[in-house]
PDB file of all heavy atoms in Angstrom:
ATOM      1  N   TYR A   1      84.026 182.538-103.095  1.00  0.00           N
ATOM      2  CA  TYR A   1      83.533 183.783-102.512  1.00  0.00           C
ATOM      3  C   TYR A   1      83.177 183.532-101.050  1.00  0.00           C
ATOM      4  O   TYR A   1      82.563 182.533-100.700  1.00  0.00           O
ATOM      5  CB  TYR A   1      82.299 184.277-103.264  1.00  0.00           C
ATOM      6  CG  TYR A   1      81.759 185.588-102.750  1.00  0.00           C
ATOM      7  CD1 TYR A   1      82.380 186.783-103.069  1.00  0.00           C
ATOM      8  CD2 TYR A   1      80.627 185.618-101.944  1.00  0.00           C
ATOM      9  CE1 TYR A   1      81.883 187.994-102.603  1.00  0.00           C
ATOM     10  CE2 TYR A   1      80.118 186.816-101.467  1.00  0.00           C
ATOM     11  CZ  TYR A   1      80.759 188.001-101.797  1.00  0.00           C
ATOM     12  OH  TYR A   1      80.260 189.194-101.329  1.00  0.00           O
ATOM     13  N   ARG A   2      83.588 184.455-100.182  1.00  0.00           N
ATOM     14  CA  ARG A   2      83.418 184.254 -98.750  1.00  0.00           C
ATOM     15  C   ARG A   2      82.198 184.998 -98.218  1.00  0.00           C
ATOM     16  O   ARG A   2      81.970 186.152 -98.572  1.00  0.00           O
ATOM     17  CB  ARG A   2      84.665 184.723 -98.000  1.00  0.00           C
ATOM     18  CG  ARG A   2      85.913 183.985 -98.412  1.00  0.00           C
ATOM     19  CD  ARG A   2      87.123 184.502 -97.692  1.00  0.00           C
ATOM     20  NE  ARG A   2      88.309 183.760 -98.100  1.00  0.00           N
ATOM     21  CZ  ARG A   2      89.414 183.651 -97.386  1.00  0.00           C
ATOM     22  NH1 ARG A   2      89.494 184.243 -96.215  1.00  0.00           N
ATOM     23  NH2 ARG A   2      90.431 182.969 -97.821  1.00  0.00           N
ATOM     24  N   THR A   3      81.459 184.334 -97.384  1.00  0.00           N
ATOM     25  CA  THR A   3      80.373 184.977 -96.650  1.00  0.00           C
ATOM     26  C   THR A   3      80.654 184.818 -95.165  1.00  0.00           C
ATOM     27  O   THR A   3      81.211 183.795 -94.727  1.00  0.00           O
ATOM     28  CB  THR A   3      79.007 184.360 -96.991  1.00  0.00           C
ATOM     29  OG1 THR A   3      79.030 182.956 -96.694  1.00  0.00           O
ATOM     30  CG2 THR A   3      78.682 184.547 -98.473  1.00  0.00           C
ATOM     31  N   PHE A   4      80.282 185.815 -94.392  1.00  0.00           N
ATOM     32  CA  PHE A   4      80.552 185.818 -92.960  1.00  0.00           C
ATOM     33  C   PHE A   4      79.287 185.462 -92.186  1.00  0.00           C
ATOM     34  O   PHE A   4      78.203 185.970 -92.482  1.00  0.00           O
ATOM     35  CB  PHE A   4      81.043 187.184 -92.490  1.00  0.00           C
ATOM     36  CG  PHE A   4      82.327 187.654 -93.137  1.00  0.00           C
ATOM     37  CD1 PHE A   4      82.637 189.000 -93.188  1.00  0.00           C
ATOM     38  CD2 PHE A   4      83.217 186.750 -93.684  1.00  0.00           C
ATOM     39  CE1 PHE A   4      83.811 189.435 -93.772  1.00  0.00           C
ATOM     40  CE2 PHE A   4      84.390 187.163 -94.270  1.00  0.00           C
ATOM     41  CZ  PHE A   4      84.695 188.519 -94.315  1.00  0.00           C
ATOM     42  N   ALA A   5      79.435 184.588 -91.223  1.00  0.00           N
ATOM     43  CA  ALA A   5      78.318 184.279 -90.328  1.00  0.00           C
ATOM     44  C   ALA A   5      78.139 185.435 -89.354  1.00  0.00           C
ATOM     45  O   ALA A   5      79.088 185.892 -88.724  1.00  0.00           O
ATOM     46  CB  ALA A   5      78.596 182.988 -89.570  1.00  0.00           C
ATOM     47  N   ASP A   6      76.913 185.920 -89.250  1.00  0.00           N
ATOM     48  CA  ASP A   6      76.572 187.037 -88.366  1.00  0.00           C
ATOM     49  C   ASP A   6      76.273 186.465 -86.980  1.00  0.00           C
ATOM     50  O   ASP A   6      75.173 185.981 -86.719  1.00  0.00           O
ATOM     51  CB  ASP A   6      75.362 187.778 -88.947  1.00  0.00           C
ATOM     52  CG  ASP A   6      74.993 189.029 -88.168  1.00  0.00           C
ATOM     53  OD1 ASP A   6      75.563 189.248 -87.086  1.00  0.00           O
ATOM     54  OD2 ASP A   6      74.127 189.785 -88.643  1.00  0.00           O
ATOM     55  N   LEU A   7      77.264 186.522 -86.111  1.00  0.00           N
ATOM     56  CA  LEU A   7      77.176 185.845 -84.816  1.00  0.00           C
ATOM     57  C   LEU A   7      77.123 186.832 -83.661  1.00  0.00           C
ATOM     58  O   LEU A   7      77.668 187.925 -83.732  1.00  0.00           O
ATOM     59  CB  LEU A   7      78.389 184.933 -84.611  1.00  0.00           C
ATOM     60  CG  LEU A   7      78.588 183.791 -85.595  1.00  0.00           C
ATOM     61  CD1 LEU A   7      79.896 183.083 -85.301  1.00  0.00           C
ATOM     62  CD2 LEU A   7      77.425 182.811 -85.546  1.00  0.00           C
ATOM     63  N   GLU A   8      76.493 186.394 -82.597  1.00  0.00           N
ATOM     64  CA  GLU A   8      76.463 187.128 -81.335  1.00  0.00           C
ATOM     65  C   GLU A   8      76.948 186.188 -80.244  1.00  0.00           C
ATOM     66  O   GLU A   8      76.217 185.316 -79.778  1.00  0.00           O
ATOM     67  CB  GLU A   8      75.017 187.557 -81.038  1.00  0.00           C
ATOM     68  CG  GLU A   8      74.867 188.957 -80.529  1.00  0.00           C
ATOM     69  CD  GLU A   8      73.415 189.284 -80.193  1.00  0.00           C
ATOM     70  OE1 GLU A   8      72.551 189.122 -81.060  1.00  0.00           O
ATOM     71  OE2 GLU A   8      73.182 189.684 -79.040  1.00  0.00           O
ATOM     72  N   ARG A   9      78.220 186.334 -79.874  1.00  0.00           N
ATOM     73  CA  ARG A   9      78.753 185.548 -78.753  1.00  0.00           C
ATOM     74  C   ARG A   9      78.260 186.159 -77.454  1.00  0.00           C
ATOM     75  O   ARG A   9      78.248 187.373 -77.302  1.00  0.00           O
ATOM     76  CB  ARG A   9      80.286 185.558 -78.795  1.00  0.00           C
ATOM     77  CG  ARG A   9      80.870 184.675 -79.869  1.00  0.00           C
ATOM     78  CD  ARG A   9      82.311 185.019 -80.241  1.00  0.00           C
ATOM     79  NE  ARG A   9      83.185 185.362 -79.158  1.00  0.00           N
ATOM     80  CZ  ARG A   9      84.126 184.564 -78.643  1.00  0.00           C
ATOM     81  NH1 ARG A   9      84.284 183.348 -79.117  1.00  0.00           N
ATOM     82  NH2 ARG A   9      84.913 184.982 -77.672  1.00  0.00           N
ATOM     83  N   ARG A  10      77.876 185.309 -76.517  1.00  0.00           N
ATOM     84  CA  ARG A  10      77.314 185.791 -75.261  1.00  0.00           C
ATOM     85  C   ARG A  10      78.079 185.175 -74.096  1.00  0.00           C
ATOM     86  O   ARG A  10      78.304 183.962 -74.052  1.00  0.00           O
ATOM     87  CB  ARG A  10      75.829 185.464 -75.179  1.00  0.00           C
ATOM     88  CG  ARG A  10      75.029 186.062 -76.344  1.00  0.00           C
ATOM     89  CD  ARG A  10      73.581 185.607 -76.337  1.00  0.00           C
ATOM     90  NE  ARG A  10      72.829 186.257 -75.281  1.00  0.00           N
ATOM     91  CZ  ARG A  10      72.254 187.445 -75.402  1.00  0.00           C
ATOM     92  NH1 ARG A  10      72.357 188.121 -76.534  1.00  0.00           N
ATOM     93  NH2 ARG A  10      71.570 187.970 -74.406  1.00  0.00           N
ATOM     94  N   VAL A  11      78.484 186.037 -73.168  1.00  0.00           N
ATOM     95  CA  VAL A  11      79.292 185.601 -72.033  1.00  0.00           C
ATOM     96  C   VAL A  11      78.541 184.523 -71.241  1.00  0.00           C
ATOM     97  O   VAL A  11      77.345 184.642 -70.967  1.00  0.00           O
ATOM     98  CB  VAL A  11      79.626 186.798 -71.117  1.00  0.00           C
ATOM     99  CG1 VAL A  11      80.307 186.311 -69.834  1.00  0.00           C
ATOM    100  CG2 VAL A  11      80.528 187.778 -71.843  1.00  0.00           C
ATOM    101  N   GLY A  12      79.267 183.470 -70.907  1.00  0.00           N
ATOM    102  CA  GLY A  12      78.702 182.385 -70.124  1.00  0.00           C
ATOM    103  C   GLY A  12      78.033 181.307 -70.941  1.00  0.00           C
ATOM    104  O   GLY A  12      77.615 180.292 -70.376  1.00  0.00           O
ATOM    105  N   GLU A  13      77.929 181.498 -72.257  1.00  0.00           N
ATOM    106  CA  GLU A  13      77.244 180.517 -73.096  1.00  0.00           C
ATOM    107  C   GLU A  13      78.169 179.824 -74.086  1.00  0.00           C
ATOM    108  O   GLU A  13      77.727 179.011 -74.891  1.00  0.00           O
ATOM    109  CB  GLU A  13      76.082 181.189 -73.839  1.00  0.00           C
ATOM    110  CG  GLU A  13      75.019 181.737 -72.906  1.00  0.00           C
ATOM    111  CD  GLU A  13      73.888 182.433 -73.645  1.00  0.00           C
ATOM    112  OE1 GLU A  13      73.766 182.241 -74.870  1.00  0.00           O
ATOM    113  OE2 GLU A  13      73.128 183.169 -72.988  1.00  0.00           O
ATOM    114  N   TYR A  14      79.462 180.152 -74.080  1.00  0.00           N
ATOM    115  CA  TYR A  14      80.425 179.524 -74.981  1.00  0.00           C
ATOM    116  C   TYR A  14      80.379 178.005 -74.823  1.00  0.00           C
ATOM    117  O   TYR A  14      80.305 177.507 -73.696  1.00  0.00           O
ATOM    118  CB  TYR A  14      81.830 180.040 -74.645  1.00  0.00           C
ATOM    119  CG  TYR A  14      82.954 179.374 -75.398  1.00  0.00           C
ATOM    120  CD1 TYR A  14      83.322 179.821 -76.662  1.00  0.00           C
ATOM    121  CD2 TYR A  14      83.649 178.295 -74.856  1.00  0.00           C
ATOM    122  CE1 TYR A  14      84.360 179.211 -77.354  1.00  0.00           C
ATOM    123  CE2 TYR A  14      84.683 177.684 -75.542  1.00  0.00           C
ATOM    124  CZ  TYR A  14      85.036 178.139 -76.784  1.00  0.00           C
ATOM    125  OH  TYR A  14      86.048 177.539 -77.477  1.00  0.00           O
ATOM    126  N   PRO A  15      80.367 177.228 -75.930  1.00  0.00           N
ATOM    127  CA  PRO A  15      80.553 177.618 -77.330  1.00  0.00           C
ATOM    128  C   PRO A  15      79.256 177.897 -78.093  1.00  0.00           C
ATOM    129  O   PRO A  15      79.238 177.812 -79.323  1.00  0.00           O
ATOM    130  CB  PRO A  15      81.249 176.391 -77.901  1.00  0.00           C
ATOM    131  CG  PRO A  15      80.626 175.250 -77.147  1.00  0.00           C
ATOM    132  CD  PRO A  15      80.375 175.762 -75.758  1.00  0.00           C
ATOM    133  N   LYS A  16      78.190 178.195 -77.400  1.00  0.00           N
ATOM    134  CA  LYS A  16      76.948 178.568 -78.057  1.00  0.00           C
ATOM    135  C   LYS A  16      77.013 180.044 -78.472  1.00  0.00           C
ATOM    136  O   LYS A  16      77.709 180.845 -77.865  1.00  0.00           O
ATOM    137  CB  LYS A  16      75.749 178.364 -77.128  1.00  0.00           C
ATOM    138  CG  LYS A  16      75.665 176.988 -76.486  1.00  0.00           C
ATOM    139  CD  LYS A  16      75.482 175.889 -77.511  1.00  0.00           C
ATOM    140  CE  LYS A  16      75.332 174.532 -76.814  1.00  0.00           C
ATOM    141  NZ  LYS A  16      75.283 173.414 -77.768  1.00  0.00           N
ATOM    142  N   ALA A  17      76.265 180.371 -79.514  1.00  0.00           N
ATOM    143  CA  ALA A  17      76.162 181.754 -79.969  1.00  0.00           C
ATOM    144  C   ALA A  17      74.828 181.928 -80.664  1.00  0.00           C
ATOM    145  O   ALA A  17      74.157 180.942 -81.016  1.00  0.00           O
ATOM    146  CB  ALA A  17      77.311 182.102 -80.923  1.00  0.00           C
ATOM    147  N   LEU A  18      74.427 183.177 -80.846  1.00  0.00           N
ATOM    148  CA  LEU A  18      73.236 183.480 -81.643  1.00  0.00           C
ATOM    149  C   LEU A  18      73.671 183.772 -83.070  1.00  0.00           C
ATOM    150  O   LEU A  18      74.616 184.521 -83.302  1.00  0.00           O
ATOM    151  CB  LEU A  18      72.497 184.692 -81.067  1.00  0.00           C
ATOM    152  CG  LEU A  18      71.892 184.527 -79.676  1.00  0.00           C
ATOM    153  CD1 LEU A  18      71.234 185.834 -79.240  1.00  0.00           C
ATOM    154  CD2 LEU A  18      70.884 183.385 -79.650  1.00  0.00           C
ATOM    155  N   HIS A  19      72.971 183.177 -84.017  1.00  0.00           N
ATOM    156  CA  HIS A  19      73.241 183.413 -85.437  1.00  0.00           C
ATOM    157  C   HIS A  19      72.093 184.206 -86.036  1.00  0.00           C
ATOM    158  O   HIS A  19      70.932 183.798 -85.958  1.00  0.00           O
ATOM    159  CB  HIS A  19      73.402 182.086 -86.189  1.00  0.00           C
ATOM    160  CG  HIS A  19      73.580 182.265 -87.663  1.00  0.00           C
ATOM    161  ND1 HIS A  19      72.743 181.708 -88.606  1.00  0.00           N
ATOM    162  CD2 HIS A  19      74.507 182.977 -88.355  1.00  0.00           C
ATOM    163  CE1 HIS A  19      73.156 182.050 -89.810  1.00  0.00           C
ATOM    164  NE2 HIS A  19      74.219 182.816 -89.688  1.00  0.00           N
ATOM    165  N   HIS A  20      72.422 185.356 -86.616  1.00  0.00           N
ATOM    166  CA  HIS A  20      71.437 186.189 -87.301  1.00  0.00           C
ATOM    167  C   HIS A  20      71.449 185.822 -88.779  1.00  0.00           C
ATOM    168  O   HIS A  20      72.379 186.177 -89.514  1.00  0.00           O
ATOM    169  CB  HIS A  20      71.767 187.669 -87.117  1.00  0.00           C
ATOM    170  CG  HIS A  20      71.672 188.126 -85.692  1.00  0.00           C
ATOM    171  ND1 HIS A  20      70.602 188.865 -85.219  1.00  0.00           N
ATOM    172  CD2 HIS A  20      72.503 187.936 -84.632  1.00  0.00           C
ATOM    173  CE1 HIS A  20      70.786 189.125 -83.932  1.00  0.00           C
ATOM    174  NE2 HIS A  20      71.930 188.572 -83.550  1.00  0.00           N
ATOM    175  N   GLY A  21      70.438 185.082 -89.220  1.00  0.00           N
ATOM    176  CA  GLY A  21      70.367 184.630 -90.604  1.00  0.00           C
ATOM    177  C   GLY A  21      69.087 185.058 -91.281  1.00  0.00           C
ATOM    178  O   GLY A  21      68.268 185.788 -90.707  1.00  0.00           O
ATOM    179  N   ALA A  22      68.896 184.582 -92.504  1.00  0.00           N
ATOM    180  CA  ALA A  22      67.722 184.954 -93.293  1.00  0.00           C
ATOM    181  C   ALA A  22      66.427 184.515 -92.633  1.00  0.00           C
ATOM    182  O   ALA A  22      65.377 185.150 -92.805  1.00  0.00           O
ATOM    183  CB  ALA A  22      67.835 184.355 -94.693  1.00  0.00           C
ATOM    184  N   GLU A  23      66.499 183.433 -91.857  1.00  0.00           N
ATOM    185  CA  GLU A  23      65.300 182.897 -91.204  1.00  0.00           C
ATOM    186  C   GLU A  23      65.102 183.454 -89.801  1.00  0.00           C
ATOM    187  O   GLU A  23      64.239 182.987 -89.071  1.00  0.00           O
ATOM    188  CB  GLU A  23      65.383 181.367 -91.149  1.00  0.00           C
ATOM    189  CG  GLU A  23      65.573 180.696 -92.499  1.00  0.00           C
ATOM    190  CD  GLU A  23      64.441 181.013 -93.460  1.00  0.00           C
ATOM    191  OE1 GLU A  23      63.278 181.016 -93.012  1.00  0.00           O
ATOM    192  OE2 GLU A  23      64.722 181.259 -94.640  1.00  0.00           O
ATOM    193  N   GLY A  24      65.924 184.425 -89.420  1.00  0.00           N
ATOM    194  CA  GLY A  24      65.806 185.007 -88.097  1.00  0.00           C
ATOM    195  C   GLY A  24      67.008 184.671 -87.227  1.00  0.00           C
ATOM    196  O   GLY A  24      68.081 184.337 -87.723  1.00  0.00           O
ATOM    197  N   VAL A  25      66.819 184.749 -85.924  1.00  0.00           N
ATOM    198  CA  VAL A  25      67.899 184.527 -84.964  1.00  0.00           C
ATOM    199  C   VAL A  25      67.718 183.145 -84.337  1.00  0.00           C
ATOM    200  O   VAL A  25      66.623 182.777 -83.918  1.00  0.00           O
ATOM    201  CB  VAL A  25      67.897 185.605 -83.865  1.00  0.00           C
ATOM    202  CG1 VAL A  25      69.042 185.386 -82.886  1.00  0.00           C
ATOM    203  CG2 VAL A  25      67.985 186.999 -84.479  1.00  0.00           C
ATOM    204  N   ARG A  26      68.828 182.402 -84.260  1.00  0.00           N
ATOM    205  CA  ARG A  26      68.744 181.062 -83.679  1.00  0.00           C
ATOM    206  C   ARG A  26      70.030 180.740 -82.951  1.00  0.00           C
ATOM    207  O   ARG A  26      71.089 181.325 -83.201  1.00  0.00           O
ATOM    208  CB  ARG A  26      68.475 180.011 -84.757  1.00  0.00           C
ATOM    209  CG  ARG A  26      69.559 179.939 -85.818  1.00  0.00           C
ATOM    210  CD  ARG A  26      69.278 178.902 -86.868  1.00  0.00           C
ATOM    211  NE  ARG A  26      69.153 177.565 -86.323  1.00  0.00           N
ATOM    212  CZ  ARG A  26      69.323 176.456 -87.058  1.00  0.00           C
ATOM    213  NH1 ARG A  26      69.604 176.546 -88.347  1.00  0.00           N
ATOM    214  NH2 ARG A  26      69.193 175.278 -86.514  1.00  0.00           N
ATOM    215  N   ASP A  27      69.952 179.768 -82.039  1.00  0.00           N
ATOM    216  CA  ASP A  27      71.136 179.287 -81.330  1.00  0.00           C
ATOM    217  C   ASP A  27      71.941 178.358 -82.227  1.00  0.00           C
ATOM    218  O   ASP A  27      71.367 177.507 -82.928  1.00  0.00           O
ATOM    219  CB  ASP A  27      70.734 178.522 -80.068  1.00  0.00           C
ATOM    220  CG  ASP A  27      70.180 179.432 -78.993  1.00  0.00           C
ATOM    221  OD1 ASP A  27      70.713 180.538 -78.831  1.00  0.00           O
ATOM    222  OD2 ASP A  27      69.213 179.027 -78.312  1.00  0.00           O
ATOM    223  N   VAL A  28      73.253 178.510 -82.201  1.00  0.00           N
ATOM    224  CA  VAL A  28      74.143 177.588 -82.899  1.00  0.00           C
ATOM    225  C   VAL A  28      75.296 177.226 -81.972  1.00  0.00           C
ATOM    226  O   VAL A  28      75.581 177.933 -81.003  1.00  0.00           O
ATOM    227  CB  VAL A  28      74.699 178.190 -84.208  1.00  0.00           C
ATOM    228  CG1 VAL A  28      73.569 178.492 -85.188  1.00  0.00           C
ATOM    229  CG2 VAL A  28      75.527 179.435 -83.940  1.00  0.00           C
ATOM    230  N   THR A  29      75.949 176.119 -82.286  1.00  0.00           N
ATOM    231  CA  THR A  29      77.168 175.713 -81.580  1.00  0.00           C
ATOM    232  C   THR A  29      78.355 175.989 -82.488  1.00  0.00           C
ATOM    233  O   THR A  29      78.395 175.519 -83.626  1.00  0.00           O
ATOM    234  CB  THR A  29      77.124 174.224 -81.206  1.00  0.00           C
ATOM    235  OG1 THR A  29      75.959 173.976 -80.418  1.00  0.00           O
ATOM    236  CG2 THR A  29      78.360 173.829 -80.408  1.00  0.00           C
ATOM    237  N   VAL A  30      79.308 176.739 -81.981  1.00  0.00           N
ATOM    238  CA  VAL A  30      80.479 177.129 -82.765  1.00  0.00           C
ATOM    239  C   VAL A  30      81.562 176.071 -82.612  1.00  0.00           C
ATOM    240  O   VAL A  30      81.970 175.737 -81.499  1.00  0.00           O
ATOM    241  CB  VAL A  30      81.009 178.507 -82.310  1.00  0.00           C
ATOM    242  CG1 VAL A  30      82.244 178.906 -83.117  1.00  0.00           C
ATOM    243  CG2 VAL A  30      79.913 179.566 -82.445  1.00  0.00           C
ATOM    244  N   TRP A  31      82.058 175.570 -83.765  1.00  0.00           N
ATOM    245  CA  TRP A  31      83.083 174.531 -83.776  1.00  0.00           C
ATOM    246  C   TRP A  31      84.350 174.972 -84.500  1.00  0.00           C
ATOM    247  O   TRP A  31      85.207 174.130 -84.801  1.00  0.00           O
ATOM    248  CB  TRP A  31      82.548 173.268 -84.435  1.00  0.00           C
ATOM    249  CG  TRP A  31      81.737 172.409 -83.514  1.00  0.00           C
ATOM    250  CD1 TRP A  31      80.375 172.340 -83.409  1.00  0.00           C
ATOM    251  CD2 TRP A  31      82.252 171.477 -82.553  1.00  0.00           C
ATOM    252  NE1 TRP A  31      80.014 171.433 -82.447  1.00  0.00           N
ATOM    253  CE2 TRP A  31      81.147 170.879 -81.906  1.00  0.00           C
ATOM    254  CE3 TRP A  31      83.535 171.086 -82.175  1.00  0.00           C
ATOM    255  CZ2 TRP A  31      81.282 169.924 -80.913  1.00  0.00           C
ATOM    256  CZ3 TRP A  31      83.680 170.130 -81.182  1.00  0.00           C
ATOM    257  CH2 TRP A  31      82.569 169.554 -80.559  1.00  0.00           C
ATOM    258  N   CYS A  32      84.497 176.247 -84.791  1.00  0.00           N
ATOM    259  CA  CYS A  32      85.660 176.684 -85.574  1.00  0.00           C
ATOM    260  C   CYS A  32      86.334 177.907 -84.975  1.00  0.00           C
ATOM    261  O   CYS A  32      87.103 178.599 -85.652  1.00  0.00           O
ATOM    262  CB  CYS A  32      85.255 176.959 -87.020  1.00  0.00           C
ATOM    263  SG  CYS A  32      83.898 178.147 -87.210  1.00  0.00           S
ATOM    264  N   SER A  33      86.081 178.194 -83.713  1.00  0.00           N
ATOM    265  CA  SER A  33      86.629 179.398 -83.105  1.00  0.00           C
ATOM    266  C   SER A  33      88.117 179.246 -82.806  1.00  0.00           C
ATOM    267  O   SER A  33      88.597 178.163 -82.443  1.00  0.00           O
ATOM    268  CB  SER A  33      85.888 179.705 -81.798  1.00  0.00           C
ATOM    269  OG  SER A  33      86.473 180.812 -81.146  1.00  0.00           O
ATOM    270  N   ASN A  34      88.849 180.351 -82.952  1.00  0.00           N
ATOM    271  CA  ASN A  34      90.238 180.396 -82.499  1.00  0.00           C
ATOM    272  C   ASN A  34      90.355 180.826 -81.035  1.00  0.00           C
ATOM    273  O   ASN A  34      91.471 180.914 -80.510  1.00  0.00           O
ATOM    274  CB  ASN A  34      91.058 181.338 -83.377  1.00  0.00           C
ATOM    275  CG  ASN A  34      91.437 180.705 -84.700  1.00  0.00           C
ATOM    276  OD1 ASN A  34      91.380 179.490 -84.858  1.00  0.00           O
ATOM    277  ND2 ASN A  34      91.809 181.518 -85.664  1.00  0.00           N
ATOM    278  N   ASP A  35      89.240 181.115 -80.403  1.00  0.00           N
ATOM    279  CA  ASP A  35      89.227 181.325 -78.951  1.00  0.00           C
ATOM    280  C   ASP A  35      89.283 179.923 -78.341  1.00  0.00           C
ATOM    281  O   ASP A  35      88.327 179.416 -77.761  1.00  0.00           O
ATOM    282  CB  ASP A  35      87.962 182.071 -78.544  1.00  0.00           C
ATOM    283  CG  ASP A  35      87.940 182.469 -77.068  1.00  0.00           C
ATOM    284  OD1 ASP A  35      88.901 182.134 -76.348  1.00  0.00           O
ATOM    285  OD2 ASP A  35      86.957 183.089 -76.641  1.00  0.00           O
ATOM    286  N   TYR A  36      90.445 179.295 -78.507  1.00  0.00           N
ATOM    287  CA  TYR A  36      90.584 177.860 -78.318  1.00  0.00           C
ATOM    288  C   TYR A  36      90.170 177.373 -76.935  1.00  0.00           C
ATOM    289  O   TYR A  36      89.670 176.258 -76.783  1.00  0.00           O
ATOM    290  CB  TYR A  36      92.037 177.446 -78.558  1.00  0.00           C
ATOM    291  CG  TYR A  36      92.520 177.594 -79.974  1.00  0.00           C
ATOM    292  CD1 TYR A  36      93.735 178.223 -80.248  1.00  0.00           C
ATOM    293  CD2 TYR A  36      91.800 177.078 -81.049  1.00  0.00           C
ATOM    294  CE1 TYR A  36      94.210 178.340 -81.543  1.00  0.00           C
ATOM    295  CE2 TYR A  36      92.259 177.196 -82.349  1.00  0.00           C
ATOM    296  CZ  TYR A  36      93.470 177.831 -82.588  1.00  0.00           C
ATOM    297  OH  TYR A  36      93.932 177.939 -83.886  1.00  0.00           O
ATOM    298  N   LEU A  37      90.401 178.185 -75.917  1.00  0.00           N
ATOM    299  CA  LEU A  37      90.145 177.767 -74.539  1.00  0.00           C
ATOM    300  C   LEU A  37      88.955 178.485 -73.910  1.00  0.00           C
ATOM    301  O   LEU A  37      88.694 178.321 -72.719  1.00  0.00           O
ATOM    302  CB  LEU A  37      91.396 177.986 -73.684  1.00  0.00           C
ATOM    303  CG  LEU A  37      92.643 177.231 -74.140  1.00  0.00           C
ATOM    304  CD1 LEU A  37      93.846 177.595 -73.273  1.00  0.00           C
ATOM    305  CD2 LEU A  37      92.412 175.718 -74.115  1.00  0.00           C
ATOM    306  N   GLY A  38      88.263 179.301 -74.698  1.00  0.00           N
ATOM    307  CA  GLY A  38      87.114 180.032 -74.174  1.00  0.00           C
ATOM    308  C   GLY A  38      87.488 181.163 -73.238  1.00  0.00           C
ATOM    309  O   GLY A  38      86.647 181.650 -72.470  1.00  0.00           O
ATOM    310  N   MET A  39      88.744 181.619 -73.299  1.00  0.00           N
ATOM    311  CA  MET A  39      89.189 182.667 -72.375  1.00  0.00           C
ATOM    312  C   MET A  39      88.539 184.018 -72.671  1.00  0.00           C
ATOM    313  O   MET A  39      88.518 184.896 -71.796  1.00  0.00           O
ATOM    314  CB  MET A  39      90.712 182.792 -72.416  1.00  0.00           C
ATOM    315  CG  MET A  39      91.447 181.575 -71.878  1.00  0.00           C
ATOM    316  SD  MET A  39      91.009 181.155 -70.172  1.00  0.00           S
ATOM    317  CE  MET A  39      91.682 182.575 -69.296  1.00  0.00           C
ATOM    318  N   GLY A  40      88.005 184.195 -73.862  1.00  0.00           N
ATOM    319  CA  GLY A  40      87.278 185.419 -74.165  1.00  0.00           C
ATOM    320  C   GLY A  40      86.015 185.582 -73.332  1.00  0.00           C
ATOM    321  O   GLY A  40      85.431 186.673 -73.284  1.00  0.00           O
ATOM    322  N   HIS A  41      85.598 184.499 -72.668  1.00  0.00           N
ATOM    323  CA  HIS A  41      84.414 184.517 -71.807  1.00  0.00           C
ATOM    324  C   HIS A  41      84.758 184.303 -70.340  1.00  0.00           C
ATOM    325  O   HIS A  41      83.862 184.262 -69.503  1.00  0.00           O
ATOM    326  CB  HIS A  41      83.428 183.433 -72.251  1.00  0.00           C
ATOM    327  CG  HIS A  41      82.910 183.604 -73.633  1.00  0.00           C
ATOM    328  ND1 HIS A  41      81.638 184.042 -73.913  1.00  0.00           N
ATOM    329  CD2 HIS A  41      83.495 183.415 -74.840  1.00  0.00           C
ATOM    330  CE1 HIS A  41      81.463 184.099 -75.217  1.00  0.00           C
ATOM    331  NE2 HIS A  41      82.584 183.726 -75.804  1.00  0.00           N
ATOM    332  N   HIS A  42      86.018 184.132 -70.043  1.00  0.00           N
ATOM    333  CA  HIS A  42      86.392 183.809 -68.669  1.00  0.00           C
ATOM    334  C   HIS A  42      86.079 184.993 -67.754  1.00  0.00           C
ATOM    335  O   HIS A  42      86.407 186.144 -68.071  1.00  0.00           O
ATOM    336  CB  HIS A  42      87.880 183.477 -68.593  1.00  0.00           C
ATOM    337  CG  HIS A  42      88.291 182.856 -67.298  1.00  0.00           C
ATOM    338  ND1 HIS A  42      88.473 183.598 -66.147  1.00  0.00           N
ATOM    339  CD2 HIS A  42      88.537 181.563 -66.960  1.00  0.00           C
ATOM    340  CE1 HIS A  42      88.825 182.796 -65.171  1.00  0.00           C
ATOM    341  NE2 HIS A  42      88.867 181.555 -65.624  1.00  0.00           N
ATOM    342  N   PRO A  43      85.460 184.751 -66.601  1.00  0.00           N
ATOM    343  CA  PRO A  43      85.060 185.863 -65.725  1.00  0.00           C
ATOM    344  C   PRO A  43      86.203 186.799 -65.342  1.00  0.00           C
ATOM    345  O   PRO A  43      86.022 188.020 -65.314  1.00  0.00           O
ATOM    346  CB  PRO A  43      84.493 185.146 -64.497  1.00  0.00           C
ATOM    347  CG  PRO A  43      84.045 183.809 -64.996  1.00  0.00           C
ATOM    348  CD  PRO A  43      84.998 183.445 -66.087  1.00  0.00           C
ATOM    349  N   ALA A  44      87.375 186.256 -65.073  1.00  0.00           N
ATOM    350  CA  ALA A  44      88.495 187.109 -64.673  1.00  0.00           C
ATOM    351  C   ALA A  44      88.955 188.011 -65.809  1.00  0.00           C
ATOM    352  O   ALA A  44      89.350 189.166 -65.587  1.00  0.00           O
ATOM    353  CB  ALA A  44      89.662 186.246 -64.189  1.00  0.00           C
ATOM    354  N   VAL A  45      88.885 187.503 -67.035  1.00  0.00           N
ATOM    355  CA  VAL A  45      89.309 188.275 -68.210  1.00  0.00           C
ATOM    356  C   VAL A  45      88.288 189.357 -68.519  1.00  0.00           C
ATOM    357  O   VAL A  45      88.633 190.524 -68.768  1.00  0.00           O
ATOM    358  CB  VAL A  45      89.513 187.334 -69.420  1.00  0.00           C
ATOM    359  CG1 VAL A  45      89.904 188.125 -70.668  1.00  0.00           C
ATOM    360  CG2 VAL A  45      90.574 186.281 -69.100  1.00  0.00           C
TER     361      VAL A  45
END
């Protein structure tokens, strides 16, 4: 059974993100993104 991580990606902080979990909101490091080069955060994009 699949559960989804409730994440908040923030521009300029890749690969860090905020995780909304049962214990509240915390910083996490994302190691499984398909945004392989971080271009989703690139200023020009």
